[in-house]
PDB file of N, CA and C in Angstrom:
ATOM      1  N   MET A   1     120.559  63.694 132.979  1.00  0.00           N
ATOM      2  CA  MET A   1     120.650  65.053 133.451  1.00  0.00           C
ATOM      3  C   MET A   1     119.661  65.231 134.603  1.00  0.00           C
ATOM      4  N   ARG A   2     120.111  65.869 135.663  1.00  0.00           N
ATOM      5  CA  ARG A   2     119.238  66.032 136.821  1.00  0.00           C
ATOM      6  C   ARG A   2     118.605  67.418 136.837  1.00  0.00           C
ATOM      7  N   LYS A   3     117.546  67.550 137.612  1.00  0.00           N
ATOM      8  CA  LYS A   3     116.875  68.841 137.753  1.00  0.00           C
ATOM      9  C   LYS A   3     117.648  69.690 138.760  1.00  0.00           C
ATOM     10  N   VAL A   4     117.596  70.990 138.554  1.00  0.00           N
ATOM     11  CA  VAL A   4     118.269  71.933 139.439  1.00  0.00           C
ATOM     12  C   VAL A   4     117.385  72.176 140.656  1.00  0.00           C
ATOM     13  N   THR A   5     117.994  72.221 141.834  1.00  0.00           N
ATOM     14  CA  THR A   5     117.233  72.521 143.041  1.00  0.00           C
ATOM     15  C   THR A   5     116.924  74.015 143.103  1.00  0.00           C
ATOM     16  N   GLN A   6     115.991  74.367 143.963  1.00  0.00           N
ATOM     17  CA  GLN A   6     115.617  75.774 144.125  1.00  0.00           C
ATOM     18  C   GLN A   6     116.812  76.601 144.589  1.00  0.00           C
ATOM     19  N   LYS A   7     117.588  76.054 145.510  1.00  0.00           N
ATOM     20  CA  LYS A   7     118.766  76.763 146.031  1.00  0.00           C
ATOM     21  C   LYS A   7     119.788  76.999 144.914  1.00  0.00           C
ATOM     22  N   GLU A   8     120.018  75.985 144.083  1.00  0.00           N
ATOM     23  CA  GLU A   8     120.952  76.125 142.968  1.00  0.00           C
ATOM     24  C   GLU A   8     120.449  77.171 141.969  1.00  0.00           C
ATOM     25  N   PHE A   9     119.161  77.147 141.688  1.00  0.00           N
ATOM     26  CA  PHE A   9     118.577  78.111 140.762  1.00  0.00           C
ATOM     27  C   PHE A   9     118.756  79.534 141.282  1.00  0.00           C
ATOM     28  N   GLU A  10     118.472  79.745 142.564  1.00  0.00           N
ATOM     29  CA  GLU A  10     118.615  81.074 143.167  1.00  0.00           C
ATOM     30  C   GLU A  10     120.076  81.524 143.159  1.00  0.00           C
ATOM     31  N   THR A  11     120.985  80.587 143.379  1.00  0.00           N
ATOM     32  CA  THR A  11     122.415  80.907 143.344  1.00  0.00           C
ATOM     33  C   THR A  11     122.826  81.366 141.953  1.00  0.00           C
ATOM     34  N   ILE A  12     122.404  80.623 140.947  1.00  0.00           N
ATOM     35  CA  ILE A  12     122.733  80.977 139.558  1.00  0.00           C
ATOM     36  C   ILE A  12     122.132  82.322 139.200  1.00  0.00           C
ATOM     37  N   GLN A  13     120.909  82.548 139.628  1.00  0.00           N
ATOM     38  CA  GLN A  13     120.226  83.814 139.360  1.00  0.00           C
ATOM     39  C   GLN A  13     120.994  84.988 139.983  1.00  0.00           C
ATOM     40  N   GLU A  14     121.466  84.806 141.206  1.00  0.00           N
ATOM     41  CA  GLU A  14     122.218  85.872 141.884  1.00  0.00           C
ATOM     42  C   GLU A  14     123.560  86.135 141.200  1.00  0.00           C
ATOM     43  N   VAL A  15     124.224  85.085 140.744  1.00  0.00           N
ATOM     44  CA  VAL A  15     125.503  85.247 140.039  1.00  0.00           C
ATOM     45  C   VAL A  15     125.287  86.015 138.732  1.00  0.00           C
ATOM     46  N   PHE A  16     124.219  85.683 138.012  1.00  0.00           N
ATOM     47  CA  PHE A  16     123.921  86.420 136.783  1.00  0.00           C
ATOM     48  C   PHE A  16     123.666  87.898 137.078  1.00  0.00           C
ATOM     49  N   SER A  17     122.981  88.185 138.166  1.00  0.00           N
ATOM     50  CA  SER A  17     122.721  89.576 138.553  1.00  0.00           C
ATOM     51  C   SER A  17     124.026  90.310 138.860  1.00  0.00           C
ATOM     52  N   LEU A  18     124.914  89.659 139.585  1.00  0.00           N
ATOM     53  CA  LEU A  18     126.205  90.283 139.910  1.00  0.00           C
ATOM     54  C   LEU A  18     127.043  90.492 138.651  1.00  0.00           C
ATOM     55  N   ASN A  19     126.987  89.554 137.724  1.00  0.00           N
ATOM     56  CA  ASN A  19     127.717  89.725 136.468  1.00  0.00           C
ATOM     57  C   ASN A  19     127.144  90.884 135.656  1.00  0.00           C
ATOM     58  N   TYR A  20     125.843  91.081 135.719  1.00  0.00           N
ATOM     59  CA  TYR A  20     125.217  92.215 135.032  1.00  0.00           C
ATOM     60  C   TYR A  20     125.741  93.534 135.603  1.00  0.00           C
ATOM     61  N   VAL A  21     125.894  93.584 136.919  1.00  0.00           N
ATOM     62  CA  VAL A  21     126.429  94.790 137.564  1.00  0.00           C
ATOM     63  C   VAL A  21     127.863  95.043 137.091  1.00  0.00           C
ATOM     64  N   LYS A  22     128.626  93.976 136.895  1.00  0.00           N
ATOM     65  CA  LYS A  22     129.987  94.124 136.373  1.00  0.00           C
ATOM     66  C   LYS A  22     129.969  94.782 134.997  1.00  0.00           C
ATOM     67  N   VAL A  23     129.016  94.390 134.164  1.00  0.00           N
ATOM     68  CA  VAL A  23     128.879  94.983 132.827  1.00  0.00           C
ATOM     69  C   VAL A  23     128.537  96.469 132.949  1.00  0.00           C
ATOM     70  N   LEU A  24     127.666  96.801 133.884  1.00  0.00           N
ATOM     71  CA  LEU A  24     127.310  98.210 134.089  1.00  0.00           C
ATOM     72  C   LEU A  24     128.525  99.032 134.522  1.00  0.00           C
ATOM     73  N   PHE A  25     129.327  98.473 135.420  1.00  0.00           N
ATOM     74  CA  PHE A  25     130.536  99.182 135.857  1.00  0.00           C
ATOM     75  C   PHE A  25     131.503  99.378 134.692  1.00  0.00           C
ATOM     76  N   LYS A  26     131.603  98.372 133.831  1.00  0.00           N
ATOM     77  CA  LYS A  26     132.488  98.494 132.673  1.00  0.00           C
ATOM     78  C   LYS A  26     132.010  99.623 131.758  1.00  0.00           C
ATOM     79  N   GLN A  27     130.704  99.747 131.608  1.00  0.00           N
ATOM     80  CA  GLN A  27     130.148 100.822 130.793  1.00  0.00           C
ATOM     81  C   GLN A  27     130.440 102.186 131.429  1.00  0.00           C
ATOM     82  N   LEU A  28     130.333 102.266 132.752  1.00  0.00           N
ATOM     83  CA  LEU A  28     130.646 103.519 133.448  1.00  0.00           C
ATOM     84  C   LEU A  28     132.107 103.905 133.235  1.00  0.00           C
ATOM     85  N   LEU A  29     132.985 102.915 133.257  1.00  0.00           N
ATOM     86  CA  LEU A  29     134.399 103.170 133.009  1.00  0.00           C
ATOM     87  C   LEU A  29     134.606 103.659 131.583  1.00  0.00           C
ATOM     88  N   LYS A  30     133.954 103.003 130.653  1.00  0.00           N
ATOM     89  CA  LYS A  30     134.077 103.369 129.241  1.00  0.00           C
ATOM     90  C   LYS A  30     133.612 104.811 129.004  1.00  0.00           C
ATOM     91  N   GLU A  31     132.563 105.215 129.715  1.00  0.00           N
ATOM     92  CA  GLU A  31     132.035 106.574 129.593  1.00  0.00           C
ATOM     93  C   GLU A  31     132.782 107.566 130.489  1.00  0.00           C
ATOM     94  N   GLU A  32     133.829 107.063 131.167  1.00  0.00           N
ATOM     95  CA  GLU A  32     134.676 107.865 132.049  1.00  0.00           C
ATOM     96  C   GLU A  32     133.899 108.510 133.197  1.00  0.00           C
ATOM     97  N   LEU A  33     132.899 107.789 133.698  1.00  0.00           N
ATOM     98  CA  LEU A  33     132.132 108.254 134.842  1.00  0.00           C
ATOM     99  C   LEU A  33     132.724 107.748 136.160  1.00  0.00           C
ATOM    100  N   ILE A  34     133.594 106.743 136.064  1.00  0.00           N
ATOM    101  CA  ILE A  34     134.374 106.273 137.204  1.00  0.00           C
ATOM    102  C   ILE A  34     135.814 106.104 136.730  1.00  0.00           C
ATOM    103  N   THR A  35     136.741 106.133 137.696  1.00  0.00           N
ATOM    104  CA  THR A  35     138.150 105.967 137.350  1.00  0.00           C
ATOM    105  C   THR A  35     138.476 104.480 137.230  1.00  0.00           C
ATOM    106  N   LYS A  36     139.619 104.199 136.624  1.00  0.00           N
ATOM    107  CA  LYS A  36     140.063 102.814 136.475  1.00  0.00           C
ATOM    108  C   LYS A  36     140.263 102.172 137.845  1.00  0.00           C
ATOM    109  N   ARG A  37     140.787 102.935 138.779  1.00  0.00           N
ATOM    110  CA  ARG A  37     141.016 102.423 140.135  1.00  0.00           C
ATOM    111  C   ARG A  37     139.679 102.074 140.814  1.00  0.00           C
ATOM    112  N   GLU A  38     138.698 102.943 140.678  1.00  0.00           N
ATOM    113  CA  GLU A  38     137.375 102.672 141.246  1.00  0.00           C
ATOM    114  C   GLU A  38     136.782 101.416 140.616  1.00  0.00           C
ATOM    115  N   TYR A  39     136.935 101.310 139.300  1.00  0.00           N
ATOM    116  CA  TYR A  39     136.436 100.142 138.574  1.00  0.00           C
ATOM    117  C   TYR A  39     137.081  98.864 139.103  1.00  0.00           C
ATOM    118  N   GLU A  40     138.384  98.886 139.257  1.00  0.00           N
ATOM    119  CA  GLU A  40     139.100  97.699 139.734  1.00  0.00           C
ATOM    120  C   GLU A  40     138.645  97.296 141.130  1.00  0.00           C
ATOM    121  N   LEU A  41     138.434  98.279 142.004  1.00  0.00           N
ATOM    122  CA  LEU A  41     137.969  97.981 143.361  1.00  0.00           C
ATOM    123  C   LEU A  41     136.557  97.397 143.350  1.00  0.00           C
ATOM    124  N   LEU A  42     135.695  97.970 142.528  1.00  0.00           N
ATOM    125  CA  LEU A  42     134.322  97.478 142.430  1.00  0.00           C
ATOM    126  C   LEU A  42     134.280  96.055 141.880  1.00  0.00           C
ATOM    127  N   ILE A  43     135.068  95.792 140.860  1.00  0.00           N
ATOM    128  CA  ILE A  43     135.103  94.454 140.252  1.00  0.00           C
ATOM    129  C   ILE A  43     135.675  93.434 141.234  1.00  0.00           C
ATOM    130  N   LYS A  44     136.700  93.836 141.970  1.00  0.00           N
ATOM    131  CA  LYS A  44     137.288  92.927 142.960  1.00  0.00           C
ATOM    132  C   LYS A  44     136.245  92.540 144.003  1.00  0.00           C
ATOM    133  N   LYS A  45     135.478  93.520 144.477  1.00  0.00           N
ATOM    134  CA  LYS A  45     134.439  93.255 145.473  1.00  0.00           C
ATOM    135  C   LYS A  45     133.343  92.361 144.890  1.00  0.00           C
ATOM    136  N   LEU A  46     132.953  92.624 143.651  1.00  0.00           N
ATOM    137  CA  LEU A  46     131.930  91.786 143.016  1.00  0.00           C
ATOM    138  C   LEU A  46     132.412  90.355 142.834  1.00  0.00           C
ATOM    139  N   ASP A  47     133.680  90.183 142.462  1.00  0.00           N
ATOM    140  CA  ASP A  47     134.241  88.834 142.325  1.00  0.00           C
ATOM    141  C   ASP A  47     134.206  88.091 143.653  1.00  0.00           C
ATOM    142  N   GLU A  48     134.521  88.803 144.735  1.00  0.00           N
ATOM    143  CA  GLU A  48     134.457  88.197 146.070  1.00  0.00           C
ATOM    144  C   GLU A  48     133.023  87.788 146.399  1.00  0.00           C
ATOM    145  N   ASP A  49     132.074  88.677 146.067  1.00  0.00           N
ATOM    146  CA  ASP A  49     130.661  88.378 146.314  1.00  0.00           C
ATOM    147  C   ASP A  49     130.201  87.167 145.505  1.00  0.00           C
ATOM    148  N   ILE A  50     130.640  87.077 144.258  1.00  0.00           N
ATOM    149  CA  ILE A  50     130.271  85.945 143.409  1.00  0.00           C
ATOM    150  C   ILE A  50     130.805  84.643 144.001  1.00  0.00           C
ATOM    151  N   HIS A  51     132.051  84.647 144.447  1.00  0.00           N
ATOM    152  CA  HIS A  51     132.634  83.443 145.053  1.00  0.00           C
ATOM    153  C   HIS A  51     131.881  83.054 146.318  1.00  0.00           C
ATOM    154  N   LYS A  52     131.488  84.055 147.105  1.00  0.00           N
ATOM    155  CA  LYS A  52     130.752  83.792 148.339  1.00  0.00           C
ATOM    156  C   LYS A  52     129.383  83.178 148.028  1.00  0.00           C
ATOM    157  N   VAL A  53     128.699  83.733 147.034  1.00  0.00           N
ATOM    158  CA  VAL A  53     127.386  83.217 146.639  1.00  0.00           C
ATOM    159  C   VAL A  53     127.506  81.787 146.137  1.00  0.00           C
ATOM    160  N   LEU A  54     128.497  81.536 145.288  1.00  0.00           N
ATOM    161  CA  LEU A  54     128.693  80.180 144.766  1.00  0.00           C
ATOM    162  C   LEU A  54     129.023  79.195 145.883  1.00  0.00           C
ATOM    163  N   ASP A  55     129.849  79.627 146.818  1.00  0.00           N
ATOM    164  CA  ASP A  55     130.228  78.754 147.933  1.00  0.00           C
ATOM    165  C   ASP A  55     129.014  78.454 148.807  1.00  0.00           C
ATOM    166  N   ASN A  56     128.233  79.490 149.135  1.00  0.00           N
ATOM    167  CA  ASN A  56     127.040  79.294 149.970  1.00  0.00           C
ATOM    168  C   ASN A  56     125.977  78.470 149.256  1.00  0.00           C
ATOM    169  N   GLY A  57     125.916  78.579 147.943  1.00  0.00           N
ATOM    170  CA  GLY A  57     124.931  77.821 147.173  1.00  0.00           C
ATOM    171  C   GLY A  57     125.371  76.414 146.851  1.00  0.00           C
ATOM    172  N   GLY A  58     126.587  76.067 147.225  1.00  0.00           N
ATOM    173  CA  GLY A  58     127.097  74.720 146.979  1.00  0.00           C
ATOM    174  C   GLY A  58     127.553  74.489 145.550  1.00  0.00           C
ATOM    175  N   LEU A  59     127.781  75.570 144.810  1.00  0.00           N
ATOM    176  CA  LEU A  59     128.170  75.424 143.418  1.00  0.00           C
ATOM    177  C   LEU A  59     129.626  75.785 143.156  1.00  0.00           C
ATOM    178  N   MET A  60     130.370  76.089 144.193  1.00  0.00           N
ATOM    179  CA  MET A  60     131.765  76.486 144.034  1.00  0.00           C
ATOM    180  C   MET A  60     132.616  75.245 143.819  1.00  0.00           C
ATOM    181  N   TRP A  61     133.410  75.279 142.761  1.00  0.00           N
ATOM    182  CA  TRP A  61     134.333  74.179 142.494  1.00  0.00           C
ATOM    183  C   TRP A  61     135.391  74.165 143.583  1.00  0.00           C
ATOM    184  N   LYS A  62     135.640  73.024 144.144  1.00  0.00           N
ATOM    185  CA  LYS A  62     136.674  72.886 145.171  1.00  0.00           C
ATOM    186  C   LYS A  62     138.038  72.869 144.505  1.00  0.00           C
ATOM    187  N   LYS A  63     138.957  73.677 145.027  1.00  0.00           N
ATOM    188  CA  LYS A  63     140.299  73.722 144.496  1.00  0.00           C
ATOM    189  C   LYS A  63     141.076  72.497 145.000  1.00  0.00           C
ATOM    190  N   GLU A  64     141.703  71.814 144.054  1.00  0.00           N
ATOM    191  CA  GLU A  64     142.507  70.647 144.428  1.00  0.00           C
ATOM    192  C   GLU A  64     143.892  71.085 144.814  1.00  0.00           C
ATOM    193  N   LYS A  65     144.438  70.428 145.845  1.00  0.00           N
ATOM    194  CA  LYS A  65     145.780  70.774 146.321  1.00  0.00           C
ATOM    195  C   LYS A  65     146.812  69.908 145.657  1.00  0.00           C
TER     196      LYS A  65
END
């Protein structure tokens, strides 16, 4: 098993933070403080951000053709 680089660690840390925000948005939806449409848009944007972070951090799995 190899050690994680600083860049990889920071990437993982940022992904965990973005996932935490997703949980917060889900709670807002559950409490009816945002609409389902708003929730879907926010989650879509967060998913895009997560993919971007993973790609920039070198941790994104390459899709095989």
